């Protein structure tokens, strides 16, 4: 069987010297899913906060809430980047709801790190689209101005 290689714009990003995140940062589908995931994760955190009040004083319930929120958030992010990006393996099993040295949750730091890459990719997509439109317009103009034979 012959193999066909198609450039899909995939890039690789090593995370904390460990796992590798693979995705095309200029893919508008990734950008759209990323925005949706940010909202979904916000809702997951909000729900976790509400339920944590009810679980106050019950360590097992609190732990279960954190684990469920972690699974749900990772599922959202795997939907963004594809199933080949196992967020649990990528982050060494760290719970996305864990608090980091900077006082933010891991998921917040993750969005802060990935967001600019995706925004830059989306901008590159838009610039390429605009450049193509300009080139096509120039070609049409040149065709109209060309002397008829």
N, C-alpha and C. Protein backbone atom coordinates (compact mmCIF):
# COMPACT_ATOMS: atom_id res chain seq x y z
N UNK A 1 0.85 -1.17 0.00
CA UNK A 1 0.00 0.00 0.00
C UNK A 1 0.89 1.24 0.00
N UNK A 2 0.52 2.19 -0.81
CA UNK A 2 1.26 3.44 -0.83
C UNK A 2 0.77 4.34 0.29
N UNK A 3 1.64 5.19 0.73
CA UNK A 3 1.28 6.11 1.81
C UNK A 3 1.22 7.52 1.27
N UNK A 4 0.25 8.26 1.73
CA UNK A 4 0.11 9.66 1.32
C UNK A 4 0.36 10.53 2.55
N UNK A 5 1.18 11.53 2.39
CA UNK A 5 1.47 12.46 3.49
C UNK A 5 0.80 13.79 3.18
N UNK A 6 -0.05 14.23 4.09
CA UNK A 6 -0.76 15.49 3.92
C UNK A 6 -0.38 16.42 5.07
N UNK A 7 0.08 17.60 4.73
CA UNK A 7 0.40 18.58 5.77
C UNK A 7 -0.90 19.11 6.35
N UNK A 8 -1.15 18.81 7.61
CA UNK A 8 -2.37 19.28 8.27
C UNK A 8 -2.08 20.41 9.25
N UNK A 9 -0.85 20.90 9.24
CA UNK A 9 -0.50 22.02 10.11
C UNK A 9 -0.28 21.64 11.56
N UNK A 10 -0.18 20.34 11.84
CA UNK A 10 0.00 19.89 13.23
C UNK A 10 1.33 20.40 13.78
N UNK A 11 1.28 20.84 15.02
CA UNK A 11 2.48 21.26 15.74
C UNK A 11 2.53 20.49 17.05
N UNK A 12 3.72 20.39 17.60
CA UNK A 12 3.90 19.67 18.85
C UNK A 12 4.47 20.62 19.90
N UNK A 13 3.93 20.50 21.11
CA UNK A 13 4.37 21.33 22.23
C UNK A 13 4.66 20.42 23.42
N UNK A 14 5.92 20.41 23.85
CA UNK A 14 6.29 19.62 25.02
C UNK A 14 5.81 20.38 26.26
N UNK A 15 5.11 19.70 27.13
CA UNK A 15 4.52 20.31 28.31
C UNK A 15 5.32 19.93 29.55
N UNK A 16 5.88 20.94 30.20
CA UNK A 16 6.64 20.75 31.44
C UNK A 16 7.72 19.68 31.30
N UNK A 17 8.34 19.62 30.13
CA UNK A 17 9.43 18.67 29.91
C UNK A 17 8.97 17.23 29.81
N UNK A 18 7.67 16.99 29.74
CA UNK A 18 7.14 15.63 29.71
C UNK A 18 6.37 15.34 28.45
N UNK A 19 5.04 15.23 28.59
CA UNK A 19 4.18 14.85 27.47
C UNK A 19 4.16 15.88 26.37
N UNK A 20 3.66 15.45 25.22
CA UNK A 20 3.61 16.31 24.05
C UNK A 20 2.16 16.52 23.63
N UNK A 21 1.77 17.78 23.49
CA UNK A 21 0.45 18.16 23.03
C UNK A 21 0.56 18.42 21.53
N UNK A 22 -0.30 17.75 20.74
CA UNK A 22 -0.27 17.88 19.29
C UNK A 22 -1.61 18.44 18.80
N UNK A 23 -1.53 19.54 18.04
CA UNK A 23 -2.72 20.10 17.42
C UNK A 23 -2.31 21.15 16.41
N UNK A 24 -3.25 21.55 15.56
CA UNK A 24 -3.00 22.60 14.58
C UNK A 24 -3.53 23.90 15.17
N UNK A 25 -2.66 24.81 15.61
CA UNK A 25 -3.13 26.04 16.26
C UNK A 25 -3.88 26.99 15.32
N UNK A 26 -3.76 26.80 14.00
CA UNK A 26 -4.48 27.69 13.08
C UNK A 26 -5.78 27.06 12.57
N UNK A 27 -6.15 25.92 13.12
CA UNK A 27 -7.40 25.26 12.73
C UNK A 27 -8.57 25.98 13.38
N UNK A 28 -9.46 26.57 12.59
CA UNK A 28 -10.59 27.29 13.19
C UNK A 28 -11.50 26.38 14.03
N UNK A 29 -11.52 25.08 13.71
CA UNK A 29 -12.31 24.15 14.52
C UNK A 29 -11.73 24.03 15.92
N UNK A 30 -10.39 24.00 16.02
CA UNK A 30 -9.74 23.94 17.33
C UNK A 30 -10.05 25.22 18.10
N UNK A 31 -9.97 26.36 17.42
CA UNK A 31 -10.25 27.64 18.07
C UNK A 31 -11.67 27.67 18.62
N UNK A 32 -12.61 27.24 17.81
CA UNK A 32 -14.02 27.22 18.22
C UNK A 32 -14.23 26.28 19.41
N UNK A 33 -13.67 25.08 19.33
CA UNK A 33 -13.81 24.13 20.45
C UNK A 33 -13.13 24.64 21.71
N UNK A 34 -12.00 25.35 21.54
CA UNK A 34 -11.28 25.90 22.68
C UNK A 34 -12.15 26.93 23.41
N UNK A 35 -12.80 27.79 22.66
CA UNK A 35 -13.69 28.79 23.28
C UNK A 35 -14.86 28.11 23.99
N UNK A 36 -15.42 27.09 23.36
CA UNK A 36 -16.51 26.34 23.99
C UNK A 36 -16.03 25.65 25.28
N UNK A 37 -14.82 25.09 25.22
CA UNK A 37 -14.27 24.39 26.39
C UNK A 37 -14.02 25.36 27.54
N UNK A 38 -13.58 26.56 27.23
CA UNK A 38 -13.33 27.54 28.29
C UNK A 38 -14.62 27.81 29.06
N UNK A 39 -15.72 27.94 28.33
CA UNK A 39 -17.02 28.16 28.97
C UNK A 39 -17.46 26.92 29.74
N UNK A 40 -17.26 25.75 29.17
CA UNK A 40 -17.65 24.51 29.83
C UNK A 40 -16.86 24.31 31.12
N UNK A 41 -15.58 24.59 31.09
CA UNK A 41 -14.74 24.44 32.29
C UNK A 41 -15.15 25.44 33.36
N UNK A 42 -15.51 26.65 32.93
CA UNK A 42 -16.01 27.64 33.89
C UNK A 42 -17.25 27.10 34.61
N UNK A 43 -18.16 26.50 33.83
CA UNK A 43 -19.38 25.92 34.44
C UNK A 43 -19.04 24.75 35.36
N UNK A 44 -18.07 23.94 34.98
CA UNK A 44 -17.64 22.81 35.82
C UNK A 44 -17.11 23.32 37.16
N UNK A 45 -16.27 24.36 37.10
CA UNK A 45 -15.73 24.94 38.33
C UNK A 45 -16.83 25.56 39.19
N UNK A 46 -17.76 26.22 38.54
CA UNK A 46 -18.87 26.85 39.27
C UNK A 46 -19.71 25.78 39.99
N UNK A 47 -20.04 24.73 39.27
CA UNK A 47 -20.82 23.63 39.85
C UNK A 47 -20.06 22.99 41.00
N UNK A 48 -18.75 22.80 40.82
CA UNK A 48 -17.93 22.20 41.86
C UNK A 48 -17.96 23.08 43.11
N UNK A 49 -17.88 24.39 42.92
CA UNK A 49 -17.92 25.31 44.05
C UNK A 49 -19.23 25.25 44.81
N UNK A 50 -20.33 25.17 44.05
CA UNK A 50 -21.64 25.08 44.70
C UNK A 50 -21.78 23.78 45.49
N UNK A 51 -21.35 22.69 44.88
CA UNK A 51 -21.46 21.39 45.55
C UNK A 51 -20.47 21.25 46.70
N UNK A 52 -19.37 21.98 46.66
CA UNK A 52 -18.38 21.91 47.73
C UNK A 52 -18.96 22.46 49.04
N UNK A 53 -19.83 23.46 48.91
CA UNK A 53 -20.48 24.00 50.11
C UNK A 53 -21.30 22.93 50.81
N UNK A 54 -21.97 22.11 50.02
CA UNK A 54 -22.79 21.03 50.59
C UNK A 54 -21.92 19.91 51.17
N UNK A 55 -20.71 19.76 50.63
CA UNK A 55 -19.81 18.69 51.08
C UNK A 55 -18.87 19.15 52.19
N UNK A 56 -19.04 20.39 52.65
CA UNK A 56 -18.14 20.94 53.67
C UNK A 56 -18.04 19.98 54.85
N UNK A 57 -16.80 19.69 55.24
CA UNK A 57 -16.55 18.82 56.38
C UNK A 57 -16.51 17.34 56.02
N UNK A 58 -16.89 16.99 54.80
CA UNK A 58 -16.87 15.58 54.38
C UNK A 58 -15.77 15.44 53.33
N UNK A 59 -14.60 15.02 53.79
CA UNK A 59 -13.43 14.90 52.92
C UNK A 59 -13.65 13.99 51.72
N UNK A 60 -14.37 12.90 51.92
CA UNK A 60 -14.61 11.96 50.81
C UNK A 60 -15.46 12.61 49.72
N UNK A 61 -16.49 13.34 50.12
CA UNK A 61 -17.35 14.01 49.14
C UNK A 61 -16.56 15.09 48.40
N UNK A 62 -15.76 15.84 49.15
CA UNK A 62 -14.95 16.90 48.54
C UNK A 62 -13.98 16.31 47.51
N UNK A 63 -13.33 15.21 47.88
CA UNK A 63 -12.39 14.55 46.97
C UNK A 63 -13.12 14.04 45.73
N UNK A 64 -14.30 13.47 45.92
CA UNK A 64 -15.08 12.97 44.78
C UNK A 64 -15.46 14.12 43.85
N UNK A 65 -15.79 15.27 44.42
CA UNK A 65 -16.11 16.44 43.59
C UNK A 65 -14.91 16.87 42.74
N UNK A 66 -13.75 16.92 43.37
CA UNK A 66 -12.53 17.31 42.65
C UNK A 66 -12.21 16.32 41.54
N UNK A 67 -12.37 15.05 41.82
CA UNK A 67 -12.07 14.02 40.81
C UNK A 67 -13.05 14.09 39.65
N UNK A 68 -14.33 14.29 39.96
CA UNK A 68 -15.33 14.40 38.89
C UNK A 68 -15.07 15.64 38.04
N UNK A 69 -14.79 16.75 38.67
CA UNK A 69 -14.51 17.98 37.93
C UNK A 69 -13.28 17.82 37.05
N UNK A 70 -12.27 17.14 37.55
CA UNK A 70 -11.05 16.87 36.78
C UNK A 70 -11.38 16.04 35.54
N UNK A 71 -12.14 14.97 35.71
CA UNK A 71 -12.51 14.11 34.57
C UNK A 71 -13.31 14.90 33.53
N UNK A 72 -14.26 15.70 34.00
CA UNK A 72 -15.10 16.47 33.07
C UNK A 72 -14.28 17.51 32.32
N UNK A 73 -13.38 18.20 33.02
CA UNK A 73 -12.54 19.22 32.38
C UNK A 73 -11.59 18.58 31.38
N UNK A 74 -11.00 17.45 31.75
CA UNK A 74 -10.08 16.77 30.82
C UNK A 74 -10.83 16.27 29.59
N UNK A 75 -12.05 15.81 29.77
CA UNK A 75 -12.85 15.36 28.63
C UNK A 75 -13.11 16.53 27.68
N UNK A 76 -13.39 17.71 28.23
CA UNK A 76 -13.60 18.90 27.40
C UNK A 76 -12.34 19.23 26.61
N UNK A 77 -11.20 19.18 27.28
CA UNK A 77 -9.95 19.53 26.60
C UNK A 77 -9.54 18.47 25.58
N UNK A 78 -9.84 17.21 25.86
CA UNK A 78 -9.55 16.17 24.87
C UNK A 78 -10.46 16.33 23.66
N UNK A 79 -11.66 16.86 23.86
CA UNK A 79 -12.55 17.15 22.74
C UNK A 79 -11.95 18.27 21.87
N UNK A 80 -11.29 19.22 22.51
CA UNK A 80 -10.66 20.32 21.78
C UNK A 80 -9.49 19.81 20.94
N UNK A 81 -8.60 19.05 21.58
CA UNK A 81 -7.33 18.69 20.95
C UNK A 81 -7.30 17.30 20.33
N UNK A 82 -8.35 16.52 20.52
CA UNK A 82 -8.40 15.19 19.92
C UNK A 82 -8.01 14.11 20.91
N UNK A 83 -8.52 12.90 20.68
CA UNK A 83 -8.30 11.80 21.62
C UNK A 83 -6.84 11.36 21.73
N UNK A 84 -6.02 11.71 20.73
CA UNK A 84 -4.60 11.35 20.81
C UNK A 84 -3.86 12.16 21.88
N UNK A 85 -4.50 13.20 22.38
CA UNK A 85 -3.92 14.03 23.43
C UNK A 85 -4.55 13.67 24.77
N UNK A 86 -3.98 12.70 25.42
CA UNK A 86 -4.46 12.23 26.72
C UNK A 86 -3.97 13.22 27.78
N UNK A 87 -4.88 14.09 28.24
CA UNK A 87 -4.51 15.14 29.17
C UNK A 87 -4.00 14.58 30.50
N UNK A 88 -4.51 13.44 30.90
CA UNK A 88 -4.05 12.83 32.15
C UNK A 88 -2.59 12.44 32.01
N UNK A 89 -2.23 11.80 30.91
CA UNK A 89 -0.83 11.41 30.68
C UNK A 89 0.03 12.65 30.44
N UNK A 90 -0.50 13.58 29.69
CA UNK A 90 0.23 14.80 29.33
C UNK A 90 0.67 15.58 30.57
N UNK A 91 -0.20 15.63 31.58
CA UNK A 91 0.08 16.41 32.78
C UNK A 91 0.53 15.55 33.95
N UNK A 92 0.90 14.31 33.67
CA UNK A 92 1.42 13.45 34.72
C UNK A 92 0.39 13.09 35.78
N UNK A 93 -0.88 13.04 35.39
CA UNK A 93 -1.93 12.65 36.33
C UNK A 93 -2.39 13.74 37.28
N UNK A 94 -1.91 14.95 37.10
CA UNK A 94 -2.29 16.06 37.98
C UNK A 94 -3.76 16.39 37.77
N UNK A 95 -4.47 16.62 38.85
CA UNK A 95 -5.87 17.03 38.80
C UNK A 95 -5.94 18.47 38.34
N UNK A 96 -6.73 18.75 37.32
CA UNK A 96 -6.83 20.11 36.78
C UNK A 96 -7.39 21.11 37.78
N UNK A 97 -8.03 20.62 38.84
CA UNK A 97 -8.61 21.51 39.84
C UNK A 97 -7.62 21.82 40.97
N UNK A 98 -6.44 21.19 40.92
CA UNK A 98 -5.43 21.45 41.94
C UNK A 98 -4.97 22.90 41.87
N UNK A 99 -4.60 23.45 43.01
CA UNK A 99 -4.11 24.82 43.08
C UNK A 99 -2.59 24.81 42.95
N UNK A 100 -2.08 25.73 42.15
CA UNK A 100 -0.64 25.82 41.87
C UNK A 100 0.04 26.83 42.78
N UNK A 101 1.35 26.94 42.65
CA UNK A 101 2.14 27.86 43.46
C UNK A 101 1.70 29.31 43.25
N UNK A 102 1.18 29.63 42.06
CA UNK A 102 0.75 31.01 41.79
C UNK A 102 -0.67 31.28 42.29
N UNK A 103 -1.29 30.28 42.96
CA UNK A 103 -2.63 30.46 43.51
C UNK A 103 -3.75 30.16 42.52
N UNK A 104 -3.41 29.84 41.30
CA UNK A 104 -4.41 29.52 40.27
C UNK A 104 -4.56 28.01 40.16
N UNK A 105 -5.67 27.58 39.61
CA UNK A 105 -5.87 26.16 39.34
C UNK A 105 -5.01 25.75 38.14
N UNK A 106 -4.67 24.48 38.08
CA UNK A 106 -3.89 23.96 36.95
C UNK A 106 -4.61 24.28 35.64
N UNK A 107 -5.93 24.10 35.60
CA UNK A 107 -6.68 24.35 34.37
C UNK A 107 -6.59 25.82 33.95
N UNK A 108 -6.55 26.72 34.90
CA UNK A 108 -6.40 28.15 34.59
C UNK A 108 -5.05 28.41 33.96
N UNK A 109 -4.00 27.82 34.53
CA UNK A 109 -2.65 27.99 33.97
C UNK A 109 -2.55 27.35 32.59
N UNK A 110 -3.23 26.23 32.40
CA UNK A 110 -3.24 25.56 31.11
C UNK A 110 -3.87 26.45 30.05
N UNK A 111 -5.03 27.04 30.36
CA UNK A 111 -5.69 27.95 29.42
C UNK A 111 -4.81 29.17 29.15
N UNK A 112 -4.15 29.67 30.18
CA UNK A 112 -3.28 30.84 30.01
C UNK A 112 -2.09 30.53 29.10
N UNK A 113 -1.60 29.30 29.15
CA UNK A 113 -0.45 28.92 28.31
C UNK A 113 -0.87 28.63 26.88
N UNK A 114 -2.00 27.95 26.71
CA UNK A 114 -2.43 27.53 25.38
C UNK A 114 -3.19 28.63 24.65
N UNK A 115 -3.90 29.46 25.37
CA UNK A 115 -4.71 30.51 24.74
C UNK A 115 -3.97 31.36 23.74
N UNK A 116 -2.82 31.93 24.10
CA UNK A 116 -2.10 32.76 23.14
C UNK A 116 -1.64 32.00 21.89
N UNK A 117 -1.31 30.73 22.04
CA UNK A 117 -0.89 29.92 20.89
C UNK A 117 -2.06 29.76 19.93
N UNK A 118 -3.24 29.47 20.47
CA UNK A 118 -4.42 29.29 19.63
C UNK A 118 -4.86 30.62 19.02
N UNK A 119 -4.79 31.69 19.78
CA UNK A 119 -5.15 33.00 19.23
C UNK A 119 -4.21 33.41 18.11
N UNK A 120 -2.92 33.14 18.28
CA UNK A 120 -1.94 33.45 17.23
C UNK A 120 -2.23 32.60 15.99
N UNK A 121 -2.58 31.34 16.21
CA UNK A 121 -2.92 30.46 15.08
C UNK A 121 -4.17 30.95 14.36
N UNK A 122 -5.18 31.38 15.12
CA UNK A 122 -6.40 31.88 14.51
C UNK A 122 -6.10 33.14 13.69
N UNK A 123 -5.22 33.99 14.20
CA UNK A 123 -4.82 35.19 13.48
C UNK A 123 -4.10 34.81 12.18
N UNK A 124 -3.23 33.80 12.23
CA UNK A 124 -2.52 33.34 11.03
C UNK A 124 -3.51 32.83 9.99
N UNK A 125 -4.54 32.10 10.45
CA UNK A 125 -5.57 31.61 9.55
C UNK A 125 -6.28 32.78 8.86
N UNK A 126 -6.67 33.77 9.64
CA UNK A 126 -7.38 34.92 9.08
C UNK A 126 -6.51 35.71 8.11
N UNK A 127 -5.21 35.85 8.45
CA UNK A 127 -4.31 36.57 7.55
C UNK A 127 -4.13 35.82 6.24
N UNK A 128 -4.01 34.49 6.31
CA UNK A 128 -3.87 33.69 5.10
C UNK A 128 -5.13 33.79 4.25
N UNK A 129 -6.27 33.77 4.89
CA UNK A 129 -7.55 33.88 4.18
C UNK A 129 -7.65 35.25 3.51
N UNK A 130 -7.25 36.30 4.22
CA UNK A 130 -7.29 37.65 3.67
C UNK A 130 -6.31 37.79 2.50
N UNK A 131 -5.12 37.22 2.65
CA UNK A 131 -4.13 37.30 1.58
C UNK A 131 -4.63 36.59 0.33
N UNK A 132 -5.29 35.46 0.52
CA UNK A 132 -5.85 34.73 -0.63
C UNK A 132 -6.93 35.56 -1.31
N UNK A 133 -7.79 36.20 -0.53
CA UNK A 133 -8.86 37.03 -1.10
C UNK A 133 -8.27 38.19 -1.89
N UNK A 134 -7.21 38.81 -1.37
CA UNK A 134 -6.56 39.93 -2.08
C UNK A 134 -5.95 39.44 -3.37
N UNK A 135 -5.27 38.30 -3.33
CA UNK A 135 -4.64 37.76 -4.54
C UNK A 135 -5.69 37.43 -5.60
N UNK A 136 -6.81 36.86 -5.18
CA UNK A 136 -7.88 36.54 -6.12
C UNK A 136 -8.47 37.82 -6.72
N UNK A 137 -8.66 38.84 -5.91
CA UNK A 137 -9.19 40.11 -6.41
C UNK A 137 -8.23 40.75 -7.40
N UNK A 138 -6.94 40.68 -7.08
CA UNK A 138 -5.94 41.25 -7.99
C UNK A 138 -5.92 40.48 -9.31
N UNK A 139 -6.06 39.17 -9.25
CA UNK A 139 -6.07 38.36 -10.46
C UNK A 139 -7.30 38.70 -11.32
N UNK A 140 -8.45 38.88 -10.68
CA UNK A 140 -9.66 39.25 -11.43
C UNK A 140 -9.49 40.63 -12.07
N UNK A 141 -8.92 41.56 -11.33
CA UNK A 141 -8.69 42.91 -11.85
C UNK A 141 -7.75 42.86 -13.04
N UNK A 142 -6.67 42.10 -12.90
CA UNK A 142 -5.70 41.99 -13.98
C UNK A 142 -6.33 41.35 -15.22
N UNK A 143 -7.21 40.38 -15.01
CA UNK A 143 -7.89 39.72 -16.14
C UNK A 143 -8.82 40.70 -16.85
N UNK A 144 -9.48 41.56 -16.08
CA UNK A 144 -10.38 42.56 -16.69
C UNK A 144 -9.59 43.61 -17.46
N UNK A 145 -8.41 43.95 -16.99
CA UNK A 145 -7.61 45.01 -17.61
C UNK A 145 -6.73 44.51 -18.75
N UNK A 146 -6.61 43.20 -18.88
CA UNK A 146 -5.77 42.64 -19.93
C UNK A 146 -6.38 42.97 -21.29
N UNK A 147 -5.52 43.41 -22.24
CA UNK A 147 -6.05 43.73 -23.59
C UNK A 147 -6.58 42.47 -24.25
N UNK A 148 -7.73 42.64 -24.91
CA UNK A 148 -8.32 41.51 -25.62
C UNK A 148 -7.58 41.30 -26.91
N UNK A 149 -7.45 40.06 -27.27
CA UNK A 149 -6.72 39.73 -28.50
C UNK A 149 -7.62 39.65 -29.67
